[in-house]
N, C-alpha and C. Protein backbone atom coordinates (compact mmCIF):
# COMPACT_ATOMS: atom_id res chain seq x y z
N MET A 1 0.74 -1.22 -0.03
CA MET A 1 0.07 -0.13 0.05
C MET A 1 0.78 1.19 -0.11
N PRO A 2 0.42 2.34 -0.74
CA PRO A 2 1.26 3.47 -0.79
C PRO A 2 1.27 4.17 0.68
N ALA A 3 2.49 4.76 1.11
CA ALA A 3 2.55 5.42 2.25
C ALA A 3 1.57 6.66 2.27
N GLU A 4 0.98 6.86 3.45
CA GLU A 4 0.15 8.01 3.63
C GLU A 4 0.95 9.14 3.59
N THR A 5 0.44 10.34 3.04
CA THR A 5 0.93 11.62 2.84
C THR A 5 0.74 12.22 4.34
N PRO A 6 1.72 12.70 5.00
CA PRO A 6 1.36 13.38 6.19
C PRO A 6 0.54 14.66 6.08
N VAL A 7 -0.28 14.92 6.98
CA VAL A 7 -1.15 16.00 6.83
C VAL A 7 -0.29 17.32 7.24
N GLN A 8 -0.31 18.25 6.43
CA GLN A 8 0.45 19.52 6.75
C GLN A 8 -0.58 20.52 7.45
N VAL A 9 -0.26 20.93 8.65
CA VAL A 9 -1.07 21.70 9.54
C VAL A 9 -0.70 23.17 9.12
N PRO A 10 -1.58 24.07 8.74
CA PRO A 10 -1.33 25.42 8.37
C PRO A 10 -0.67 26.12 9.60
N ARG A 11 0.46 26.96 9.28
CA ARG A 11 1.07 27.66 10.31
C ARG A 11 0.88 29.24 10.07
N ASN A 12 0.87 29.84 11.28
CA ASN A 12 0.92 31.22 11.20
C ASN A 12 2.12 31.94 11.90
N ARG A 13 2.80 32.79 11.33
CA ARG A 13 4.15 33.29 11.84
C ARG A 13 3.80 34.38 12.73
N VAL A 14 4.22 34.48 14.00
CA VAL A 14 3.77 35.40 14.88
C VAL A 14 5.09 36.24 15.49
N ARG A 15 4.96 37.44 15.50
CA ARG A 15 6.03 38.15 16.12
C ARG A 15 5.42 39.10 17.25
N VAL A 16 6.10 39.19 18.34
CA VAL A 16 5.54 39.92 19.60
C VAL A 16 6.27 41.23 19.67
N PHE A 17 5.67 42.33 19.97
CA PHE A 17 6.13 43.63 20.18
C PHE A 17 5.73 44.12 21.49
N VAL A 18 6.72 44.35 22.34
CA VAL A 18 6.49 44.76 23.75
C VAL A 18 6.90 46.03 24.17
N ASP A 19 6.14 46.98 24.55
CA ASP A 19 6.48 48.30 25.29
C ASP A 19 6.86 47.91 26.71
N PHE A 20 8.17 47.83 27.04
CA PHE A 20 8.54 47.36 28.40
C PHE A 20 8.03 48.09 29.53
N TRP A 21 7.97 49.34 29.52
CA TRP A 21 7.45 50.01 30.76
C TRP A 21 6.02 50.05 30.77
N ASN A 22 5.22 50.04 29.63
CA ASN A 22 3.84 49.93 29.58
C ASN A 22 3.52 48.61 30.25
N TYR A 23 4.08 47.44 29.62
CA TYR A 23 3.89 46.11 30.26
C TYR A 23 4.29 46.01 31.70
N THR A 24 5.35 46.57 32.08
CA THR A 24 5.76 46.29 33.49
C THR A 24 4.87 47.01 34.39
N LEU A 25 4.44 48.12 34.25
CA LEU A 25 3.40 48.94 35.07
C LEU A 25 2.03 48.25 35.14
N SER A 26 1.71 47.74 33.88
CA SER A 26 0.33 47.07 33.85
C SER A 26 0.49 45.72 34.59
N MET A 27 1.51 45.10 34.57
CA MET A 27 1.64 43.62 35.18
C MET A 27 1.79 43.93 36.72
N GLN A 28 2.49 44.83 37.10
CA GLN A 28 2.53 45.23 38.55
C GLN A 28 1.14 45.56 39.17
N ASN A 29 0.51 46.25 38.41
CA ASN A 29 -1.07 46.65 38.83
C ASN A 29 -1.83 45.29 39.04
N ALA A 30 -1.51 44.26 38.11
CA ALA A 30 -2.30 43.11 38.10
C ALA A 30 -1.83 42.11 39.29
N ASP A 31 -0.38 42.13 39.46
CA ASP A 31 0.20 41.20 40.45
C ASP A 31 1.53 41.87 40.83
N SER A 32 1.56 42.57 41.91
CA SER A 32 2.72 43.34 42.44
C SER A 32 4.05 42.39 42.58
N ALA A 33 3.84 41.11 42.77
CA ALA A 33 5.09 40.34 43.06
C ALA A 33 5.52 39.65 41.86
N PHE A 34 4.98 39.90 40.70
CA PHE A 34 5.24 38.82 39.47
C PHE A 34 6.56 39.38 38.89
N ARG A 35 7.26 38.40 38.51
CA ARG A 35 8.56 38.52 37.73
C ARG A 35 8.51 37.81 36.46
N THR A 36 8.79 38.32 35.39
CA THR A 36 8.51 37.71 34.07
C THR A 36 9.84 36.95 33.60
N ASP A 37 9.42 35.83 33.00
CA ASP A 37 10.29 34.97 32.37
C ASP A 37 10.44 35.46 30.96
N TRP A 38 11.42 36.23 30.59
CA TRP A 38 11.38 36.83 29.21
C TRP A 38 11.68 35.86 28.12
N ALA A 39 12.26 34.74 28.45
CA ALA A 39 12.42 33.56 27.61
C ALA A 39 11.34 32.98 27.05
N ARG A 40 10.22 32.88 28.12
CA ARG A 40 8.99 32.22 27.71
C ARG A 40 7.68 33.14 27.24
N LEU A 41 7.83 34.39 27.58
CA LEU A 41 6.81 35.39 27.36
C LEU A 41 6.47 35.41 25.93
N GLY A 42 7.37 35.53 24.92
CA GLY A 42 7.01 35.54 23.49
C GLY A 42 6.37 34.21 23.05
N PRO A 43 6.90 33.12 23.25
CA PRO A 43 6.12 31.94 22.73
C PRO A 43 4.74 31.76 23.35
N VAL A 44 4.64 32.07 24.62
CA VAL A 44 3.34 32.03 25.28
C VAL A 44 2.31 32.84 24.57
N LEU A 45 2.73 34.16 24.29
CA LEU A 45 1.78 35.00 23.60
C LEU A 45 1.53 34.66 22.23
N ALA A 46 2.58 34.16 21.61
CA ALA A 46 2.45 33.66 20.16
C ALA A 46 1.32 32.74 19.99
N ARG A 47 1.41 31.66 20.85
CA ARG A 47 0.51 30.49 20.88
C ARG A 47 -1.04 30.99 21.08
N ALA A 48 -1.15 32.04 22.17
CA ALA A 48 -2.43 32.49 22.55
C ALA A 48 -2.93 33.27 21.30
N ALA A 49 -2.12 33.97 20.76
CA ALA A 49 -2.66 34.79 19.58
C ALA A 49 -3.16 33.94 18.34
N THR A 50 -2.36 32.86 18.14
CA THR A 50 -2.69 32.01 17.07
C THR A 50 -4.14 31.37 17.26
N LYS A 51 -4.39 31.16 18.62
CA LYS A 51 -5.74 30.49 18.87
C LYS A 51 -6.76 31.48 18.66
N VAL A 52 -6.50 32.70 18.93
CA VAL A 52 -7.55 33.72 18.57
C VAL A 52 -7.95 33.86 17.23
N VAL A 53 -6.73 33.75 16.32
CA VAL A 53 -7.03 33.89 14.96
C VAL A 53 -7.61 32.66 14.25
N ASP A 54 -7.08 31.46 14.63
CA ASP A 54 -7.52 30.24 14.10
C ASP A 54 -6.99 28.98 14.97
N ALA A 55 -7.73 28.40 15.63
CA ALA A 55 -7.27 27.43 16.56
C ALA A 55 -6.84 26.12 15.86
N ALA A 56 -7.18 26.06 14.56
CA ALA A 56 -6.84 24.87 13.77
C ALA A 56 -5.46 25.06 13.25
N THR A 57 -4.76 26.19 13.30
CA THR A 57 -3.46 26.32 12.81
C THR A 57 -2.37 26.25 13.90
N ALA A 58 -1.24 26.11 13.52
CA ALA A 58 -0.13 25.98 14.43
C ALA A 58 0.60 27.39 14.54
N SER A 59 1.27 27.62 15.49
CA SER A 59 2.04 28.90 15.86
C SER A 59 3.49 28.70 15.45
N GLU A 60 3.99 29.62 14.74
CA GLU A 60 5.44 29.70 14.43
C GLU A 60 5.98 31.08 14.92
N TYR A 61 6.71 30.91 16.08
CA TYR A 61 7.23 32.07 16.69
C TYR A 61 8.35 32.60 16.15
N GLN A 62 8.23 33.96 15.71
CA GLN A 62 9.20 34.74 14.91
C GLN A 62 10.11 35.40 15.84
N GLY A 63 9.81 35.54 17.03
CA GLY A 63 10.64 36.58 17.92
C GLY A 63 9.96 37.47 18.51
N LEU A 64 10.57 38.14 19.60
CA LEU A 64 10.02 39.15 20.38
C LEU A 64 10.86 40.38 20.44
N ASN A 65 10.26 41.60 20.11
CA ASN A 65 11.00 42.72 20.06
C ASN A 65 10.61 43.58 21.29
N PHE A 66 11.59 43.92 22.01
CA PHE A 66 11.49 44.58 23.41
C PHE A 66 11.94 45.99 23.27
N TYR A 67 11.11 47.01 23.61
CA TYR A 67 11.33 48.40 23.56
C TYR A 67 11.17 49.08 24.93
N GLY A 68 12.31 49.85 25.35
CA GLY A 68 12.31 50.49 26.56
C GLY A 68 13.23 51.68 26.54
N SER A 69 13.22 52.28 27.62
CA SER A 69 14.13 53.65 27.75
C SER A 69 14.67 53.49 29.30
N HIS A 70 15.84 54.25 29.49
CA HIS A 70 16.45 54.31 30.67
C HIS A 70 16.95 55.83 30.94
N ASP A 71 17.25 55.99 32.16
CA ASP A 71 17.81 57.31 32.58
C ASP A 71 19.33 57.15 32.85
N PRO A 72 20.13 57.56 32.02
CA PRO A 72 21.61 57.21 32.19
C PRO A 72 22.24 57.86 33.46
N THR A 73 21.51 58.78 34.12
CA THR A 73 21.96 59.40 35.35
C THR A 73 21.59 58.62 36.67
N SER A 74 20.62 57.50 36.42
CA SER A 74 20.10 56.86 37.57
C SER A 74 20.85 55.47 37.56
N GLU A 75 21.43 55.19 38.78
CA GLU A 75 21.97 53.75 38.96
C GLU A 75 21.07 52.63 38.67
N ALA A 76 19.88 52.82 39.11
CA ALA A 76 18.82 51.70 38.97
C ALA A 76 18.52 51.53 37.47
N ASP A 77 18.46 52.67 36.75
CA ASP A 77 18.22 52.57 35.30
C ASP A 77 19.46 52.00 34.65
N ARG A 78 20.73 52.32 35.17
CA ARG A 78 21.81 51.77 34.29
C ARG A 78 21.83 50.28 34.61
N ARG A 79 21.46 49.84 35.72
CA ARG A 79 21.43 48.47 35.98
C ARG A 79 20.20 47.70 35.03
N LEU A 80 19.24 48.60 34.86
CA LEU A 80 18.19 48.05 33.91
C LEU A 80 18.75 47.80 32.53
N HIS A 81 19.51 48.92 32.05
CA HIS A 81 20.12 48.81 30.74
C HIS A 81 21.09 47.61 30.56
N ARG A 82 21.93 47.36 31.66
CA ARG A 82 22.87 46.23 31.59
C ARG A 82 22.05 44.86 31.46
N TRP A 83 20.94 44.77 32.36
CA TRP A 83 20.13 43.67 32.35
C TRP A 83 19.51 43.31 30.92
N ALA A 84 18.83 44.51 30.47
CA ALA A 84 18.21 44.36 29.18
C ALA A 84 19.35 43.92 28.00
N THR A 85 20.39 44.52 27.95
CA THR A 85 21.31 44.30 26.73
C THR A 85 22.29 43.13 26.97
N THR A 86 22.44 42.74 28.23
CA THR A 86 23.38 41.59 28.37
C THR A 86 22.70 40.33 28.77
N VAL A 87 21.45 40.37 29.26
CA VAL A 87 20.63 39.11 29.64
C VAL A 87 19.42 38.94 28.68
N VAL A 88 18.52 39.86 28.73
CA VAL A 88 17.31 39.63 27.87
C VAL A 88 17.54 39.41 26.42
N ASP A 89 18.58 40.44 25.91
CA ASP A 89 18.91 40.34 24.51
C ASP A 89 19.57 39.03 24.01
N THR A 90 19.89 38.15 25.06
CA THR A 90 20.64 36.82 24.63
C THR A 90 19.70 35.74 24.50
N PHE A 91 18.39 35.92 24.91
CA PHE A 91 17.45 34.99 24.69
C PHE A 91 17.10 34.68 23.45
N PRO A 92 16.71 33.25 22.96
CA PRO A 92 16.43 33.07 21.53
C PRO A 92 15.27 33.86 21.00
N GLY A 93 15.53 34.50 19.89
CA GLY A 93 14.35 35.25 19.19
C GLY A 93 14.20 36.70 19.77
N VAL A 94 14.79 37.09 20.90
CA VAL A 94 14.54 38.36 21.56
C VAL A 94 15.54 39.50 21.05
N SER A 95 14.89 40.53 20.59
CA SER A 95 15.65 41.68 20.22
C SER A 95 15.32 42.87 21.08
N VAL A 96 16.30 43.48 21.62
CA VAL A 96 16.14 44.72 22.62
C VAL A 96 16.54 45.93 22.03
N SER A 97 15.61 46.90 22.19
CA SER A 97 15.90 48.33 21.85
C SER A 97 15.65 49.07 23.05
N ILE A 98 16.64 49.65 23.69
CA ILE A 98 16.50 50.49 24.97
C ILE A 98 17.22 51.80 24.82
N VAL A 99 16.64 52.93 24.78
CA VAL A 99 17.21 54.26 24.48
C VAL A 99 17.21 55.07 25.65
N PRO A 100 18.18 56.06 25.68
CA PRO A 100 18.28 56.99 26.98
C PRO A 100 17.04 57.98 26.90
N ARG A 101 16.53 58.19 28.08
CA ARG A 101 15.47 59.21 28.16
C ARG A 101 16.14 60.58 27.96
N GLN A 102 15.26 61.53 27.66
CA GLN A 102 15.92 62.90 27.47
C GLN A 102 15.27 63.89 28.48
N ARG A 103 16.16 64.78 28.94
CA ARG A 103 15.60 65.86 29.89
C ARG A 103 14.36 66.70 29.27
N LYS A 104 13.33 66.96 29.96
CA LYS A 104 12.40 67.73 29.46
C LYS A 104 13.00 69.24 29.27
N ARG A 105 12.30 69.78 28.29
CA ARG A 105 12.67 71.26 27.90
C ARG A 105 12.34 72.19 29.05
N SER A 106 11.03 72.01 29.58
CA SER A 106 10.61 72.95 30.65
C SER A 106 10.38 72.37 32.03
N PRO A 107 10.82 73.26 33.05
CA PRO A 107 10.75 72.70 34.43
C PRO A 107 9.34 72.67 34.90
N PRO A 108 8.97 72.21 36.15
CA PRO A 108 7.70 72.18 36.57
C PRO A 108 7.26 73.58 37.09
N VAL A 109 6.05 73.93 37.25
CA VAL A 109 5.47 75.27 37.45
C VAL A 109 4.85 75.16 38.85
N CYS A 110 4.91 76.13 39.53
CA CYS A 110 4.23 76.30 40.92
C CYS A 110 2.76 76.33 40.70
N PRO A 111 1.83 75.58 41.39
CA PRO A 111 0.44 75.54 41.02
C PRO A 111 -0.19 76.83 41.46
N THR A 112 0.35 77.56 42.37
CA THR A 112 -0.19 78.93 42.86
C THR A 112 0.11 80.03 42.03
N CYS A 113 1.52 80.41 41.94
CA CYS A 113 1.88 81.60 41.16
C CYS A 113 2.32 81.23 39.75
N HIS A 114 2.31 79.98 39.33
CA HIS A 114 2.62 79.52 38.03
C HIS A 114 4.07 79.95 37.56
N SER A 115 4.89 80.21 38.49
CA SER A 115 6.42 80.43 38.26
C SER A 115 7.14 78.99 37.86
N ALA A 116 8.03 79.02 36.86
CA ALA A 116 8.77 77.85 36.59
C ALA A 116 9.81 77.63 37.80
N ILE A 117 10.05 76.56 38.11
CA ILE A 117 11.02 76.14 39.23
C ILE A 117 12.05 75.26 38.53
N ALA A 118 13.06 76.03 38.06
CA ALA A 118 14.18 75.31 37.30
C ALA A 118 15.10 74.60 38.24
N GLN A 119 15.32 74.92 39.46
CA GLN A 119 16.19 74.35 40.44
C GLN A 119 15.50 74.10 41.70
N CYS A 120 15.87 72.96 42.32
CA CYS A 120 15.50 72.73 43.65
C CYS A 120 15.98 73.79 44.57
N PRO A 121 15.07 74.54 45.40
CA PRO A 121 15.42 75.54 46.33
C PRO A 121 16.29 74.93 47.48
N ALA A 122 16.28 73.70 47.79
CA ALA A 122 17.06 73.15 48.88
C ALA A 122 18.41 72.69 48.51
N CYS A 123 18.47 71.95 47.41
CA CYS A 123 19.87 71.39 46.88
C CYS A 123 20.33 71.93 45.53
N GLY A 124 19.56 72.71 44.75
CA GLY A 124 20.03 73.21 43.57
C GLY A 124 19.96 72.16 42.47
N ALA A 125 19.36 71.19 42.60
CA ALA A 125 19.35 70.04 41.51
C ALA A 125 18.34 70.52 40.46
N ASP A 126 18.55 70.09 39.20
CA ASP A 126 17.68 70.32 38.00
C ASP A 126 16.35 69.69 38.32
N MET A 127 15.35 70.44 38.27
CA MET A 127 13.81 70.07 38.59
C MET A 127 13.33 69.59 37.44
N ARG A 128 13.76 69.65 36.15
CA ARG A 128 13.28 68.91 35.05
C ARG A 128 13.26 67.51 35.11
N GLY A 129 12.12 66.66 34.79
CA GLY A 129 12.27 65.36 34.71
C GLY A 129 12.72 64.85 33.40
N THR A 130 12.71 63.55 33.17
CA THR A 130 13.02 62.99 31.96
C THR A 130 11.84 62.43 31.35
N GLU A 131 11.82 62.25 30.06
CA GLU A 131 10.75 61.74 29.25
C GLU A 131 11.21 60.74 28.00
N GLU A 132 10.50 59.80 27.83
CA GLU A 132 10.62 58.97 26.59
C GLU A 132 10.58 59.64 25.26
N LYS A 133 11.58 59.49 24.40
CA LYS A 133 11.49 60.07 22.98
C LYS A 133 11.86 59.12 21.97
N GLY A 134 10.87 58.80 21.17
CA GLY A 134 11.31 57.81 20.11
C GLY A 134 10.98 56.33 20.25
N VAL A 135 10.62 56.03 21.42
CA VAL A 135 10.34 54.55 21.57
C VAL A 135 9.14 54.07 20.88
N ASP A 136 8.03 54.81 20.95
CA ASP A 136 6.92 54.48 20.21
C ASP A 136 7.01 54.43 18.74
N VAL A 137 7.73 55.47 18.35
CA VAL A 137 8.06 55.61 16.92
C VAL A 137 8.90 54.45 16.44
N ARG A 138 9.94 54.03 17.19
CA ARG A 138 10.72 52.79 16.75
C ARG A 138 9.87 51.61 16.74
N MET A 139 9.06 51.53 17.70
CA MET A 139 8.23 50.36 17.78
C MET A 139 7.25 50.31 16.54
N ALA A 140 6.52 51.33 16.25
CA ALA A 140 5.86 51.36 15.14
C ALA A 140 6.46 51.18 13.84
N THR A 141 7.59 51.62 13.68
CA THR A 141 8.25 51.51 12.47
C THR A 141 8.84 50.15 12.22
N ASP A 142 9.22 49.51 13.19
CA ASP A 142 9.55 48.16 13.21
C ASP A 142 8.35 47.25 12.78
N MET A 143 7.23 47.48 13.47
CA MET A 143 5.97 46.62 13.16
C MET A 143 5.75 46.73 11.53
N ILE A 144 5.86 48.00 11.04
CA ILE A 144 5.44 48.25 9.67
C ILE A 144 6.62 47.52 8.64
N SER A 145 7.88 47.95 9.08
CA SER A 145 8.83 47.53 8.25
C SER A 145 8.96 45.86 8.14
N LEU A 146 8.92 45.35 9.34
CA LEU A 146 8.88 43.75 9.41
C LEU A 146 7.73 43.24 8.60
N ALA A 147 6.61 43.90 8.78
CA ALA A 147 5.38 43.43 7.86
C ALA A 147 5.70 43.53 6.32
N TRP A 148 6.27 44.63 6.05
CA TRP A 148 6.63 44.87 4.68
C TRP A 148 7.60 43.91 4.17
N ALA A 149 8.37 43.34 5.01
CA ALA A 149 9.38 42.31 4.66
C ALA A 149 8.91 40.98 4.68
N ASP A 150 7.66 40.89 5.01
CA ASP A 150 6.89 39.56 5.03
C ASP A 150 7.45 38.67 6.09
N ASN A 151 7.77 39.25 7.17
CA ASN A 151 8.55 38.54 8.32
C ASN A 151 7.39 37.89 9.19
N TYR A 152 6.14 38.28 9.14
CA TYR A 152 5.11 37.75 10.13
C TYR A 152 3.66 37.86 9.52
N ASP A 153 2.86 37.00 10.05
CA ASP A 153 1.29 37.03 9.61
C ASP A 153 0.54 37.73 10.84
N ILE A 154 0.94 37.46 12.05
CA ILE A 154 0.26 38.01 13.29
C ILE A 154 1.20 38.74 14.04
N ALA A 155 0.79 39.92 14.54
CA ALA A 155 1.55 40.69 15.45
C ALA A 155 0.80 40.79 16.78
N VAL A 156 1.53 40.34 17.80
CA VAL A 156 1.04 40.71 19.18
C VAL A 156 1.57 42.05 19.76
N LEU A 157 0.74 42.91 19.93
CA LEU A 157 1.16 44.25 20.30
C LEU A 157 0.91 44.55 21.85
N VAL A 158 1.89 44.51 22.64
CA VAL A 158 1.70 44.61 24.24
C VAL A 158 1.94 45.95 24.54
N SER A 159 0.91 46.89 24.55
CA SER A 159 1.00 48.26 24.93
C SER A 159 -0.56 48.71 25.05
N SER A 160 -0.77 49.64 26.06
CA SER A 160 -2.07 50.32 26.08
C SER A 160 -2.25 51.54 25.49
N ASP A 161 -1.15 51.99 24.88
CA ASP A 161 -1.05 53.30 24.29
C ASP A 161 -1.92 53.49 22.98
N ARG A 162 -2.90 54.26 22.93
CA ARG A 162 -3.90 54.40 21.77
C ARG A 162 -3.20 55.01 20.58
N ASP A 163 -1.89 55.53 20.74
CA ASP A 163 -1.15 56.10 19.63
C ASP A 163 -0.95 54.92 18.54
N PHE A 164 -1.14 53.54 19.01
CA PHE A 164 -0.75 52.57 18.09
C PHE A 164 -1.93 52.14 17.25
N VAL A 165 -3.14 52.89 17.56
CA VAL A 165 -4.34 52.68 16.72
C VAL A 165 -4.16 52.68 15.15
N PRO A 166 -3.49 53.80 14.66
CA PRO A 166 -3.28 53.94 13.27
C PRO A 166 -2.37 52.84 12.78
N VAL A 167 -1.56 52.36 13.49
CA VAL A 167 -0.55 51.23 13.12
C VAL A 167 -1.36 50.03 12.96
N ALA A 168 -2.20 49.70 14.04
CA ALA A 168 -2.97 48.38 13.80
C ALA A 168 -3.84 48.43 12.59
N GLU A 169 -4.57 49.64 12.39
CA GLU A 169 -5.52 49.82 11.32
C GLU A 169 -4.67 49.67 9.83
N PHE A 170 -3.54 50.37 9.86
CA PHE A 170 -2.77 50.19 8.57
C PHE A 170 -2.31 48.76 8.31
N LEU A 171 -1.91 48.05 9.36
CA LEU A 171 -1.40 46.61 9.16
C LEU A 171 -2.51 45.86 8.63
N GLU A 172 -3.76 46.05 9.12
CA GLU A 172 -5.01 45.31 8.69
C GLU A 172 -5.27 45.30 7.24
N THR A 173 -4.86 46.66 6.71
CA THR A 173 -5.14 46.80 5.23
C THR A 173 -3.99 46.07 4.45
N ARG A 174 -3.02 45.54 5.02
CA ARG A 174 -1.96 44.73 4.39
C ARG A 174 -2.16 43.31 4.77
N GLY A 175 -3.18 42.89 5.21
CA GLY A 175 -3.53 41.53 5.62
C GLY A 175 -2.78 40.97 6.84
N ILE A 176 -2.35 41.83 7.73
CA ILE A 176 -1.78 41.44 8.91
C ILE A 176 -2.66 41.61 10.03
N LYS A 177 -2.89 40.54 10.84
CA LYS A 177 -3.79 40.70 11.98
C LYS A 177 -3.01 41.01 13.36
N VAL A 178 -3.35 42.11 13.88
CA VAL A 178 -2.81 42.68 15.15
C VAL A 178 -3.69 42.14 16.32
N ILE A 179 -3.00 41.31 17.15
CA ILE A 179 -3.71 40.96 18.56
C ILE A 179 -3.23 41.76 19.52
N HIS A 180 -4.00 42.40 20.16
CA HIS A 180 -3.71 43.39 21.28
C HIS A 180 -3.38 42.39 22.57
N GLY A 181 -2.16 42.44 23.16
CA GLY A 181 -1.84 41.88 24.33
C GLY A 181 -2.20 42.89 25.46
N ALA A 182 -3.26 42.77 25.88
CA ALA A 182 -3.99 43.70 26.74
C ALA A 182 -4.16 43.29 28.21
N PHE A 183 -4.25 44.47 29.06
CA PHE A 183 -4.60 44.32 30.37
C PHE A 183 -5.82 45.11 30.75
N PRO A 184 -6.98 44.53 30.39
CA PRO A 184 -8.31 45.10 30.53
C PRO A 184 -8.57 45.66 32.01
N PRO A 185 -9.26 46.75 32.04
CA PRO A 185 -9.84 47.50 31.14
C PRO A 185 -8.90 48.59 30.38
N ARG A 186 -7.65 48.65 30.72
CA ARG A 186 -6.62 49.71 30.14
C ARG A 186 -6.49 49.33 28.73
N GLY A 187 -6.32 50.47 27.85
CA GLY A 187 -6.17 50.32 26.50
C GLY A 187 -7.43 49.81 25.73
N ALA A 188 -8.53 50.17 26.24
CA ALA A 188 -9.77 49.61 25.48
C ALA A 188 -9.93 50.10 24.06
N GLN A 189 -9.50 51.39 23.87
CA GLN A 189 -9.66 52.01 22.56
C GLN A 189 -8.80 51.15 21.59
N LEU A 190 -7.62 50.86 22.04
CA LEU A 190 -6.63 50.01 21.13
C LEU A 190 -7.16 48.71 20.82
N THR A 191 -7.72 47.98 21.95
CA THR A 191 -8.24 46.64 21.76
C THR A 191 -9.41 46.74 20.82
N ALA A 192 -10.25 47.79 20.74
CA ALA A 192 -11.48 47.72 19.76
C ALA A 192 -10.85 47.87 18.40
N ARG A 193 -9.74 48.35 18.10
CA ARG A 193 -9.11 48.72 16.80
C ARG A 193 -8.26 47.49 16.26
N CYS A 194 -7.98 46.55 17.11
CA CYS A 194 -7.11 45.48 16.74
C CYS A 194 -8.06 44.26 16.35
N TRP A 195 -7.54 43.42 15.59
CA TRP A 195 -8.26 42.30 15.07
C TRP A 195 -8.80 41.46 16.17
N GLY A 196 -8.02 41.34 17.29
CA GLY A 196 -8.54 40.43 18.45
C GLY A 196 -7.63 40.84 19.56
N SER A 197 -7.80 40.18 20.75
CA SER A 197 -6.91 40.50 21.94
C SER A 197 -6.84 39.19 22.72
N VAL A 198 -5.78 39.23 23.59
CA VAL A 198 -5.50 38.25 24.58
C VAL A 198 -5.33 39.01 25.90
N ASN A 199 -5.74 38.48 27.03
CA ASN A 199 -5.63 38.93 28.25
C ASN A 199 -4.40 38.50 28.91
N VAL A 200 -3.19 39.20 28.91
CA VAL A 200 -1.94 38.82 29.22
C VAL A 200 -1.87 38.56 30.65
N ALA A 201 -2.52 39.23 31.64
CA ALA A 201 -2.54 38.85 32.94
C ALA A 201 -3.08 37.59 33.25
N ARG A 202 -4.06 37.23 32.58
CA ARG A 202 -4.59 35.73 32.81
C ARG A 202 -3.66 34.69 32.27
N LEU A 203 -2.66 34.95 31.44
CA LEU A 203 -1.77 34.09 30.92
C LEU A 203 -0.50 33.96 31.75
N ARG A 204 -0.32 34.72 32.85
CA ARG A 204 0.89 35.04 33.51
C ARG A 204 1.62 33.85 34.17
N GLU A 205 0.82 32.97 34.58
CA GLU A 205 1.42 31.73 35.31
C GLU A 205 2.31 30.84 34.14
N GLU A 206 1.92 31.07 32.91
CA GLU A 206 2.75 30.36 31.86
C GLU A 206 4.00 30.96 31.58
N PHE A 207 4.23 32.23 32.11
CA PHE A 207 5.58 32.78 31.82
C PHE A 207 6.12 33.50 33.15
N ARG A 208 5.69 33.04 34.28
CA ARG A 208 6.17 33.52 35.67
C ARG A 208 7.62 33.02 35.77
N PHE A 209 8.49 33.90 36.10
CA PHE A 209 9.91 33.51 36.62
C PHE A 209 10.04 32.71 37.76
N THR A 210 10.50 31.56 37.74
CA THR A 210 10.84 30.72 38.97
C THR A 210 11.99 30.22 38.93
N ARG A 211 12.89 30.40 40.09
CA ARG A 211 14.24 30.03 40.15
C ARG A 211 14.22 28.43 40.26
N PRO A 212 15.34 27.88 39.44
CA PRO A 212 15.49 26.39 39.51
C PRO A 212 15.76 25.83 40.79
N MET A 213 15.22 24.78 41.18
CA MET A 213 15.49 24.15 42.45
C MET A 213 17.02 23.50 42.52
N ARG A 214 17.67 23.78 43.56
CA ARG A 214 19.18 23.23 43.75
C ARG A 214 18.99 21.90 44.04
N SER A 215 19.83 21.03 43.44
CA SER A 215 19.90 19.71 43.86
C SER A 215 20.85 19.40 45.14
N ASN A 216 20.54 18.54 45.91
CA ASN A 216 21.29 18.43 47.17
C ASN A 216 22.63 17.72 46.85
């Protein structure tokens, strides 16, 4: 008898895009003690997104793009930068983009007299805070350029920023399905404009970081 031809299961290529600070603050709100296993986060979200699109297809994980920012003057943020670039960036399929925050142009204003306070009256330190510049633009550019290069079929977008609404709508016109990695009710406007969504907090036990048990 002739050998049976193996059944080929259709596959969807999935790439995950994560706004680090947006994700971190949202997850802390859901579970303050949670620690993320960044090697597992991408594959878990890729499988969940594939089920939303078509449960009969298989997931082909294309990788996770990590976007963040740091304050070079802060020791805590310098440690964050080292961790992101020397640890997270080494995980299979993970690509890290972390940029320095920039000093705000204007100092804070007194709520009573509306005078600008450029320096702390006690120690003389610069009162201007820092802000992210270019992270969202870089993230949106990569989503579009990688789609244009035919790198993925499904994008998982982990952010609650409604500025990504035009990106999701544009990619849909190119046949790309954007699945919102959401933390409901945050980001409801973005969820409504994406093809579908997954509740990231509900999946967290699948990518919770746990230390390996030591053998005696």
